[in-house]
PDB file of N, CA and C in Angstrom:
ATOM      1  N   UNK A   1      -6.001  16.869 -12.864  1.00  0.00           N
ATOM      2  CA  UNK A   1      -6.283  15.700 -12.810  1.00  0.00           C
ATOM      3  C   UNK A   1      -7.442  14.981 -12.868  1.00  0.00           C
ATOM      4  N   UNK A   2      -8.039  14.338 -13.811  1.00  0.00           N
ATOM      5  CA  UNK A   2      -9.317  13.974 -14.037  1.00  0.00           C
ATOM      6  C   UNK A   2      -9.616  13.186 -12.896  1.00  0.00           C
ATOM      7  N   UNK A   3     -11.049  12.806 -12.291  1.00  0.00           N
ATOM      8  CA  UNK A   3     -11.526  11.957 -11.176  1.00  0.00           C
ATOM      9  C   UNK A   3     -11.534  10.646 -11.425  1.00  0.00           C
ATOM     10  N   UNK A   4     -11.511  10.151 -12.909  1.00  0.00           N
ATOM     11  CA  UNK A   4     -11.059   8.770 -13.006  1.00  0.00           C
ATOM     12  C   UNK A   4      -9.766   8.591 -12.880  1.00  0.00           C
ATOM     13  N   UNK A   5      -8.784   9.070 -12.721  1.00  0.00           N
ATOM     14  CA  UNK A   5      -7.739   8.668 -12.492  1.00  0.00           C
ATOM     15  C   UNK A   5      -7.496   8.606 -11.096  1.00  0.00           C
ATOM     16  N   UNK A   6      -7.993   9.342 -10.240  1.00  0.00           N
ATOM     17  CA  UNK A   6      -8.016   9.501  -8.918  1.00  0.00           C
ATOM     18  C   UNK A   6      -8.562   8.221  -8.352  1.00  0.00           C
ATOM     19  N   UNK A   7      -9.934   7.619  -8.925  1.00  0.00           N
ATOM     20  CA  UNK A   7     -10.269   6.600  -8.679  1.00  0.00           C
ATOM     21  C   UNK A   7      -9.730   5.196  -9.134  1.00  0.00           C
ATOM     22  N   UNK A   8      -9.017   5.562 -10.339  1.00  0.00           N
ATOM     23  CA  UNK A   8      -7.928   4.233 -10.635  1.00  0.00           C
ATOM     24  C   UNK A   8      -6.835   4.186  -9.543  1.00  0.00           C
ATOM     25  N   UNK A   9      -6.307   5.431  -9.086  1.00  0.00           N
ATOM     26  CA  UNK A   9      -5.221   5.358  -8.252  1.00  0.00           C
ATOM     27  C   UNK A   9      -5.776   4.658  -6.831  1.00  0.00           C
ATOM     28  N   UNK A  10      -6.820   5.431  -6.139  1.00  0.00           N
ATOM     29  CA  UNK A  10      -7.480   4.449  -5.259  1.00  0.00           C
ATOM     30  C   UNK A  10      -7.421   3.236  -5.411  1.00  0.00           C
ATOM     31  N   UNK A  11      -8.136   2.521  -6.501  1.00  0.00           N
ATOM     32  CA  UNK A  11      -8.398   1.214  -6.815  1.00  0.00           C
ATOM     33  C   UNK A  11      -7.103   0.376  -6.532  1.00  0.00           C
ATOM     34  N   UNK A  12      -6.346   0.652  -7.219  1.00  0.00           N
ATOM     35  CA  UNK A  12      -4.691   0.196  -7.038  1.00  0.00           C
ATOM     36  C   UNK A  12      -4.190   0.124  -5.874  1.00  0.00           C
ATOM     37  N   UNK A  13      -4.490   1.203  -4.980  1.00  0.00           N
ATOM     38  CA  UNK A  13      -4.043   1.419  -3.288  1.00  0.00           C
ATOM     39  C   UNK A  13      -4.658   0.409  -2.803  1.00  0.00           C
ATOM     40  N   UNK A  14      -5.967   0.408  -2.962  1.00  0.00           N
ATOM     41  CA  UNK A  14      -6.992  -0.669  -2.213  1.00  0.00           C
ATOM     42  C   UNK A  14      -6.471  -2.412  -2.388  1.00  0.00           C
ATOM     43  N   UNK A  15      -6.168  -2.220  -3.628  1.00  0.00           N
ATOM     44  CA  UNK A  15      -5.587  -3.740  -4.407  1.00  0.00           C
ATOM     45  C   UNK A  15      -4.431  -4.085  -3.176  1.00  0.00           C
ATOM     46  N   UNK A  16      -3.365  -2.997  -3.366  1.00  0.00           N
ATOM     47  CA  UNK A  16      -2.100  -3.531  -3.109  1.00  0.00           C
ATOM     48  C   UNK A  16      -2.186  -3.728  -1.544  1.00  0.00           C
ATOM     49  N   UNK A  17      -3.167  -2.654  -0.542  1.00  0.00           N
ATOM     50  CA  UNK A  17      -3.140  -2.853   0.935  1.00  0.00           C
ATOM     51  C   UNK A  17      -4.104  -4.435   1.131  1.00  0.00           C
ATOM     52  N   UNK A  18      -4.933  -4.522   0.206  1.00  0.00           N
ATOM     53  CA  UNK A  18      -5.966  -5.890   0.708  1.00  0.00           C
ATOM     54  C   UNK A  18      -4.785  -7.005   0.522  1.00  0.00           C
ATOM     55  N   UNK A  19      -3.920  -7.034  -0.692  1.00  0.00           N
ATOM     56  CA  UNK A  19      -2.926  -8.268  -0.891  1.00  0.00           C
ATOM     57  C   UNK A  19      -1.934  -8.154  -0.136  1.00  0.00           C
ATOM     58  N   UNK A  20      -1.430  -7.322   0.570  1.00  0.00           N
ATOM     59  CA  UNK A  20      -0.170  -7.187   1.797  1.00  0.00           C
ATOM     60  C   UNK A  20      -0.897  -7.629   3.362  1.00  0.00           C
ATOM     61  N   UNK A  21      -2.244  -7.240   3.120  1.00  0.00           N
ATOM     62  CA  UNK A  21      -2.574  -7.633   4.528  1.00  0.00           C
ATOM     63  C   UNK A  21      -3.056  -9.190   4.558  1.00  0.00           C
ATOM     64  N   UNK A  22      -3.246  -9.530   3.540  1.00  0.00           N
ATOM     65  CA  UNK A  22      -3.690 -10.999   3.525  1.00  0.00           C
ATOM     66  C   UNK A  22      -2.251 -11.755   3.208  1.00  0.00           C
ATOM     67  N   UNK A  23      -1.256 -11.512   2.770  1.00  0.00           N
ATOM     68  CA  UNK A  23      -0.133 -12.003   2.710  1.00  0.00           C
ATOM     69  C   UNK A  23       0.809 -11.702   4.268  1.00  0.00           C
ATOM     70  N   UNK A  24       0.350 -10.861   5.188  1.00  0.00           N
ATOM     71  CA  UNK A  24       0.939 -11.061   6.269  1.00  0.00           C
ATOM     72  C   UNK A  24       0.143 -11.821   7.170  1.00  0.00           C
ATOM     73  N   UNK A  25      -1.207 -12.335   6.775  1.00  0.00           N
ATOM     74  CA  UNK A  25      -1.856 -12.877   7.683  1.00  0.00           C
ATOM     75  C   UNK A  25      -2.005 -14.390   7.184  1.00  0.00           C
ATOM     76  N   UNK A  26      -1.348 -14.510   6.130  1.00  0.00           N
ATOM     77  CA  UNK A  26      -1.013 -16.144   5.815  1.00  0.00           C
ATOM     78  C   UNK A  26       0.658 -16.132   6.264  1.00  0.00           C
ATOM     79  N   UNK A  27       1.503 -15.448   6.696  1.00  0.00           N
ATOM     80  CA  UNK A  27       2.700 -15.883   7.116  1.00  0.00           C
ATOM     81  C   UNK A  27       2.872 -15.024   8.742  1.00  0.00           C
ATOM     82  N   UNK A  28       2.199 -15.525   9.418  1.00  0.00           N
ATOM     83  CA  UNK A  28       2.173 -14.873  10.515  1.00  0.00           C
ATOM     84  C   UNK A  28       3.447 -15.392  11.437  1.00  0.00           C
ATOM     85  N   UNK A  29       3.841 -16.416  11.174  1.00  0.00           N
ATOM     86  CA  UNK A  29       4.909 -16.893  11.981  1.00  0.00           C
ATOM     87  C   UNK A  29       6.304 -16.213  11.653  1.00  0.00           C
ATOM     88  N   UNK A  30       6.462 -15.806  10.274  1.00  0.00           N
ATOM     89  CA  UNK A  30       7.854 -14.870  10.029  1.00  0.00           C
ATOM     90  C   UNK A  30       7.428 -13.226  10.541  1.00  0.00           C
ATOM     91  N   UNK A  31       6.197 -13.081  10.599  1.00  0.00           N
ATOM     92  CA  UNK A  31       5.830 -11.431  11.004  1.00  0.00           C
ATOM     93  C   UNK A  31       6.283 -11.780  12.822  1.00  0.00           C
ATOM     94  N   UNK A  32       5.843 -12.679  13.286  1.00  0.00           N
ATOM     95  CA  UNK A  32       6.088 -13.079  14.661  1.00  0.00           C
ATOM     96  C   UNK A  32       7.747 -13.055  14.763  1.00  0.00           C
ATOM     97  N   UNK A  33       8.221 -13.561  14.045  1.00  0.00           N
ATOM     98  CA  UNK A  33       9.739 -13.424  14.150  1.00  0.00           C
ATOM     99  C   UNK A  33      10.183 -12.101  14.278  1.00  0.00           C
ATOM    100  N   UNK A  34       9.538 -11.182  13.433  1.00  0.00           N
ATOM    101  CA  UNK A  34      10.297  -9.983  13.201  1.00  0.00           C
ATOM    102  C   UNK A  34      10.038  -8.995  14.319  1.00  0.00           C
ATOM    103  N   UNK A  35       8.394  -9.093  15.146  1.00  0.00           N
ATOM    104  CA  UNK A  35       8.370  -8.434  16.188  1.00  0.00           C
ATOM    105  C   UNK A  35       8.749  -9.200  17.338  1.00  0.00           C
ATOM    106  N   UNK A  36       9.548 -10.267  17.542  1.00  0.00           N
ATOM    107  CA  UNK A  36       9.813 -10.907  18.603  1.00  0.00           C
ATOM    108  C   UNK A  36      10.157 -10.368  19.934  1.00  0.00           C
ATOM    109  N   UNK A  37      11.090  -9.319  19.628  1.00  0.00           N
ATOM    110  CA  UNK A  37      11.446  -8.538  21.154  1.00  0.00           C
ATOM    111  C   UNK A  37      10.870  -7.652  21.270  1.00  0.00           C
ATOM    112  N   UNK A  38      10.419  -6.877  20.358  1.00  0.00           N
ATOM    113  CA  UNK A  38       9.562  -5.563  20.687  1.00  0.00           C
ATOM    114  C   UNK A  38       7.936  -5.579  20.780  1.00  0.00           C
ATOM    115  N   UNK A  39       7.454  -6.545  21.050  1.00  0.00           N
ATOM    116  CA  UNK A  39       5.914  -6.904  21.032  1.00  0.00           C
ATOM    117  C   UNK A  39       5.788  -7.936  22.049  1.00  0.00           C
ATOM    118  N   UNK A  40       4.689  -8.599  22.701  1.00  0.00           N
ATOM    119  CA  UNK A  40       4.213  -9.548  23.489  1.00  0.00           C
ATOM    120  C   UNK A  40       3.725 -10.643  22.568  1.00  0.00           C
ATOM    121  N   UNK A  41       4.625 -10.887  21.718  1.00  0.00           N
ATOM    122  CA  UNK A  41       4.485 -12.197  20.597  1.00  0.00           C
ATOM    123  C   UNK A  41       5.277 -13.228  20.843  1.00  0.00           C
ATOM    124  N   UNK A  42       5.123 -14.501  21.132  1.00  0.00           N
ATOM    125  CA  UNK A  42       5.763 -15.619  21.186  1.00  0.00           C
ATOM    126  C   UNK A  42       5.567 -16.309  19.906  1.00  0.00           C
ATOM    127  N   UNK A  43       6.954 -16.222  18.899  1.00  0.00           N
ATOM    128  CA  UNK A  43       6.837 -16.936  17.848  1.00  0.00           C
ATOM    129  C   UNK A  43       6.837 -18.409  18.092  1.00  0.00           C
ATOM    130  N   UNK A  44       6.569 -19.079  16.892  1.00  0.00           N
ATOM    131  CA  UNK A  44       6.331 -20.372  16.668  1.00  0.00           C
ATOM    132  C   UNK A  44       7.383 -21.220  16.736  1.00  0.00           C
ATOM    133  N   UNK A  45       7.516 -22.328  17.054  1.00  0.00           N
ATOM    134  CA  UNK A  45       8.500 -23.026  17.095  1.00  0.00           C
ATOM    135  C   UNK A  45       8.994 -23.538  15.541  1.00  0.00           C
ATOM    136  N   UNK A  46       8.203 -23.655  14.714  1.00  0.00           N
ATOM    137  CA  UNK A  46       7.937 -23.810  13.653  1.00  0.00           C
ATOM    138  C   UNK A  46       9.008 -22.919  12.681  1.00  0.00           C
ATOM    139  N   UNK A  47       9.984 -23.089  11.587  1.00  0.00           N
ATOM    140  CA  UNK A  47      10.711 -22.411  10.957  1.00  0.00           C
ATOM    141  C   UNK A  47       9.724 -21.203  10.048  1.00  0.00           C
ATOM    142  N   UNK A  48      10.054 -19.993   9.703  1.00  0.00           N
ATOM    143  CA  UNK A  48       9.101 -19.272   8.819  1.00  0.00           C
ATOM    144  C   UNK A  48       9.165 -19.522   7.361  1.00  0.00           C
ATOM    145  N   UNK A  49       8.261 -19.338   6.782  1.00  0.00           N
ATOM    146  CA  UNK A  49       8.335 -19.773   5.390  1.00  0.00           C
ATOM    147  C   UNK A  49       8.523 -18.797   4.568  1.00  0.00           C
ATOM    148  N   UNK A  50       8.614 -17.286   5.049  1.00  0.00           N
ATOM    149  CA  UNK A  50       9.029 -16.205   4.319  1.00  0.00           C
ATOM    150  C   UNK A  50      10.267 -15.313   4.846  1.00  0.00           C
ATOM    151  N   UNK A  51      10.921 -14.663   4.177  1.00  0.00           N
ATOM    152  CA  UNK A  51      12.378 -13.954   4.747  1.00  0.00           C
ATOM    153  C   UNK A  51      11.774 -12.733   5.316  1.00  0.00           C
ATOM    154  N   UNK A  52      12.655 -12.758   6.268  1.00  0.00           N
ATOM    155  CA  UNK A  52      12.286 -11.208   6.947  1.00  0.00           C
ATOM    156  C   UNK A  52      12.371  -9.889   5.810  1.00  0.00           C
ATOM    157  N   UNK A  53      13.166  -9.933   4.669  1.00  0.00           N
ATOM    158  CA  UNK A  53      13.177  -8.699   3.999  1.00  0.00           C
ATOM    159  C   UNK A  53      11.546  -8.857   3.205  1.00  0.00           C
ATOM    160  N   UNK A  54      11.110  -9.705   2.956  1.00  0.00           N
ATOM    161  CA  UNK A  54       9.759 -10.003   2.400  1.00  0.00           C
ATOM    162  C   UNK A  54       8.534  -9.574   3.461  1.00  0.00           C
ATOM    163  N   UNK A  55       9.114 -10.083   4.669  1.00  0.00           N
ATOM    164  CA  UNK A  55       7.934  -9.412   5.523  1.00  0.00           C
ATOM    165  C   UNK A  55       8.040  -8.082   5.958  1.00  0.00           C
ATOM    166  N   UNK A  56       9.193  -7.311   5.927  1.00  0.00           N
ATOM    167  CA  UNK A  56       9.116  -5.908   5.890  1.00  0.00           C
ATOM    168  C   UNK A  56       8.668  -5.559   4.726  1.00  0.00           C
ATOM    169  N   UNK A  57       8.788  -5.733   3.689  1.00  0.00           N
ATOM    170  CA  UNK A  57       8.223  -4.945   2.438  1.00  0.00           C
ATOM    171  C   UNK A  57       6.776  -5.013   2.435  1.00  0.00           C
ATOM    172  N   UNK A  58       6.164  -6.364   2.789  1.00  0.00           N
ATOM    173  CA  UNK A  58       5.021  -6.103   3.143  1.00  0.00           C
ATOM    174  C   UNK A  58       4.114  -5.630   4.236  1.00  0.00           C
ATOM    175  N   UNK A  59       4.934  -5.186   5.057  1.00  0.00           N
ATOM    176  CA  UNK A  59       4.158  -4.071   6.413  1.00  0.00           C
ATOM    177  C   UNK A  59       4.477  -2.857   5.532  1.00  0.00           C
ATOM    178  N   UNK A  60       5.848  -2.627   4.924  1.00  0.00           N
ATOM    179  CA  UNK A  60       5.720  -1.299   4.550  1.00  0.00           C
ATOM    180  C   UNK A  60       4.595  -0.993   3.291  1.00  0.00           C
ATOM    181  N   UNK A  61       4.271  -1.990   2.327  1.00  0.00           N
ATOM    182  CA  UNK A  61       3.301  -1.792   1.645  1.00  0.00           C
ATOM    183  C   UNK A  61       2.014  -1.610   2.144  1.00  0.00           C
ATOM    184  N   UNK A  62       1.591  -2.384   3.330  1.00  0.00           N
ATOM    185  CA  UNK A  62       0.451  -2.337   4.070  1.00  0.00           C
ATOM    186  C   UNK A  62       0.460  -0.931   4.563  1.00  0.00           C
ATOM    187  N   UNK A  63       1.152  -0.287   5.578  1.00  0.00           N
ATOM    188  CA  UNK A  63       1.216   0.842   6.148  1.00  0.00           C
ATOM    189  C   UNK A  63       1.405   1.838   5.052  1.00  0.00           C
ATOM    190  N   UNK A  64       2.070   2.026   3.890  1.00  0.00           N
ATOM    191  CA  UNK A  64       1.749   2.999   3.272  1.00  0.00           C
ATOM    192  C   UNK A  64       0.922   3.021   2.254  1.00  0.00           C
ATOM    193  N   UNK A  65       0.200   1.824   1.913  1.00  0.00           N
ATOM    194  CA  UNK A  65      -1.144   2.109   1.369  1.00  0.00           C
ATOM    195  C   UNK A  65      -2.084   2.217   1.988  1.00  0.00           C
ATOM    196  N   UNK A  66      -2.186   2.274   3.525  1.00  0.00           N
ATOM    197  CA  UNK A  66      -3.297   2.422   4.140  1.00  0.00           C
ATOM    198  C   UNK A  66      -3.191   3.742   4.534  1.00  0.00           C
ATOM    199  N   UNK A  67      -1.948   4.416   4.559  1.00  0.00           N
ATOM    200  CA  UNK A  67      -1.953   5.649   4.940  1.00  0.00           C
ATOM    201  C   UNK A  67      -2.570   6.871   3.776  1.00  0.00           C
ATOM    202  N   UNK A  68      -1.840   6.040   2.521  1.00  0.00           N
ATOM    203  CA  UNK A  68      -2.260   6.881   1.111  1.00  0.00           C
ATOM    204  C   UNK A  68      -3.744   6.760   1.054  1.00  0.00           C
ATOM    205  N   UNK A  69      -4.406   5.470   1.228  1.00  0.00           N
ATOM    206  CA  UNK A  69      -5.672   5.424   1.096  1.00  0.00           C
ATOM    207  C   UNK A  69      -6.785   6.193   1.966  1.00  0.00           C
ATOM    208  N   UNK A  70      -6.128   6.526   3.117  1.00  0.00           N
ATOM    209  CA  UNK A  70      -6.729   7.246   4.183  1.00  0.00           C
ATOM    210  C   UNK A  70      -6.697   8.701   3.759  1.00  0.00           C
ATOM    211  N   UNK A  71      -5.468   9.226   3.308  1.00  0.00           N
ATOM    212  CA  UNK A  71      -5.303  10.437   2.980  1.00  0.00           C
ATOM    213  C   UNK A  71      -6.443  10.862   1.684  1.00  0.00           C
ATOM    214  N   UNK A  72      -6.267   9.768   0.678  1.00  0.00           N
ATOM    215  CA  UNK A  72      -7.045  10.280  -0.397  1.00  0.00           C
ATOM    216  C   UNK A  72      -8.689  10.093  -0.188  1.00  0.00           C
ATOM    217  N   UNK A  73      -8.894   9.575   1.044  1.00  0.00           N
ATOM    218  CA  UNK A  73     -10.536   9.353   1.284  1.00  0.00           C
ATOM    219  C   UNK A  73     -10.737  10.686   2.079  1.00  0.00           C
ATOM    220  N   UNK A  74      -9.800  11.514   2.761  1.00  0.00           N
ATOM    221  CA  UNK A  74      -9.881  12.912   3.541  1.00  0.00           C
ATOM    222  C   UNK A  74     -10.089  13.991   2.266  1.00  0.00           C
ATOM    223  N   UNK A  75      -8.945  13.618   1.309  1.00  0.00           N
ATOM    224  CA  UNK A  75      -9.302  14.691   0.012  1.00  0.00           C
ATOM    225  C   UNK A  75     -10.710  14.615  -0.656  1.00  0.00           C
ATOM    226  N   UNK A  76     -11.369  13.311  -0.666  1.00  0.00           N
ATOM    227  CA  UNK A  76     -12.398  13.210  -1.366  1.00  0.00           C
ATOM    228  C   UNK A  76     -13.399  13.768  -0.719  1.00  0.00           C
ATOM    229  N   UNK A  77     -13.650  13.438   0.731  1.00  0.00           N
ATOM    230  CA  UNK A  77     -14.673  14.036   1.681  1.00  0.00           C
ATOM    231  C   UNK A  77     -14.673  15.241   1.711  1.00  0.00           C
ATOM    232  N   UNK A  78     -13.577  15.933   1.924  1.00  0.00           N
ATOM    233  CA  UNK A  78     -13.408  17.659   2.160  1.00  0.00           C
ATOM    234  C   UNK A  78     -13.681  18.149   1.094  1.00  0.00           C
ATOM    235  N   UNK A  79     -13.876  17.699  -0.539  1.00  0.00           N
ATOM    236  CA  UNK A  79     -13.816  18.271  -1.770  1.00  0.00           C
ATOM    237  C   UNK A  79     -12.853  18.951  -2.249  1.00  0.00           C
ATOM    238  N   UNK A  80     -11.611  18.662  -1.926  1.00  0.00           N
ATOM    239  CA  UNK A  80     -10.390  18.901  -2.591  1.00  0.00           C
ATOM    240  C   UNK A  80     -10.511  18.341  -3.922  1.00  0.00           C
ATOM    241  N   UNK A  81     -10.571  16.948  -3.935  1.00  0.00           N
ATOM    242  CA  UNK A  81     -10.436  16.324  -5.101  1.00  0.00           C
ATOM    243  C   UNK A  81     -11.151  16.581  -6.079  1.00  0.00           C
ATOM    244  N   UNK A  82     -12.469  17.417  -6.011  1.00  0.00           N
ATOM    245  CA  UNK A  82     -13.172  17.561  -6.781  1.00  0.00           C
ATOM    246  C   UNK A  82     -12.775  19.210  -7.444  1.00  0.00           C
ATOM    247  N   UNK A  83     -11.822  19.650  -6.899  1.00  0.00           N
ATOM    248  CA  UNK A  83     -11.110  20.764  -7.517  1.00  0.00           C
ATOM    249  C   UNK A  83     -10.278  20.648  -8.750  1.00  0.00           C
ATOM    250  N   UNK A  84      -9.836  19.118  -8.352  1.00  0.00           N
ATOM    251  CA  UNK A  84      -8.733  18.675  -9.515  1.00  0.00           C
ATOM    252  C   UNK A  84      -9.230  18.608 -10.737  1.00  0.00           C
ATOM    253  N   UNK A  85     -10.716  18.354 -10.791  1.00  0.00           N
ATOM    254  CA  UNK A  85     -11.187  17.897 -12.206  1.00  0.00           C
ATOM    255  C   UNK A  85     -11.094  19.165 -13.172  1.00  0.00           C
ATOM    256  N   UNK A  86     -10.566  18.799 -14.154  1.00  0.00           N
ATOM    257  CA  UNK A  86     -10.312  19.958 -15.386  1.00  0.00           C
ATOM    258  C   UNK A  86     -11.565  20.375 -15.463  1.00  0.00           C
TER     259      UNK A  86
END
């Protein structure tokens, strides 16, 4: 795999993770409804603007993107990614 492809995948994952994180920050009332009984969070009396399914999808995108970014960063720092260059 060429290193340019590795960089492109990294950039796409970075954009997805940032977009999901910003979306979650903008929809904190909906996120508070999702974690209402599991965390020390009091949801707002206002009705959330996003569906629970959308919040779960954003949390999954954020968590998965973050995990993959950290994995790719470790691969790059240890030199494993350099071995993939043809």
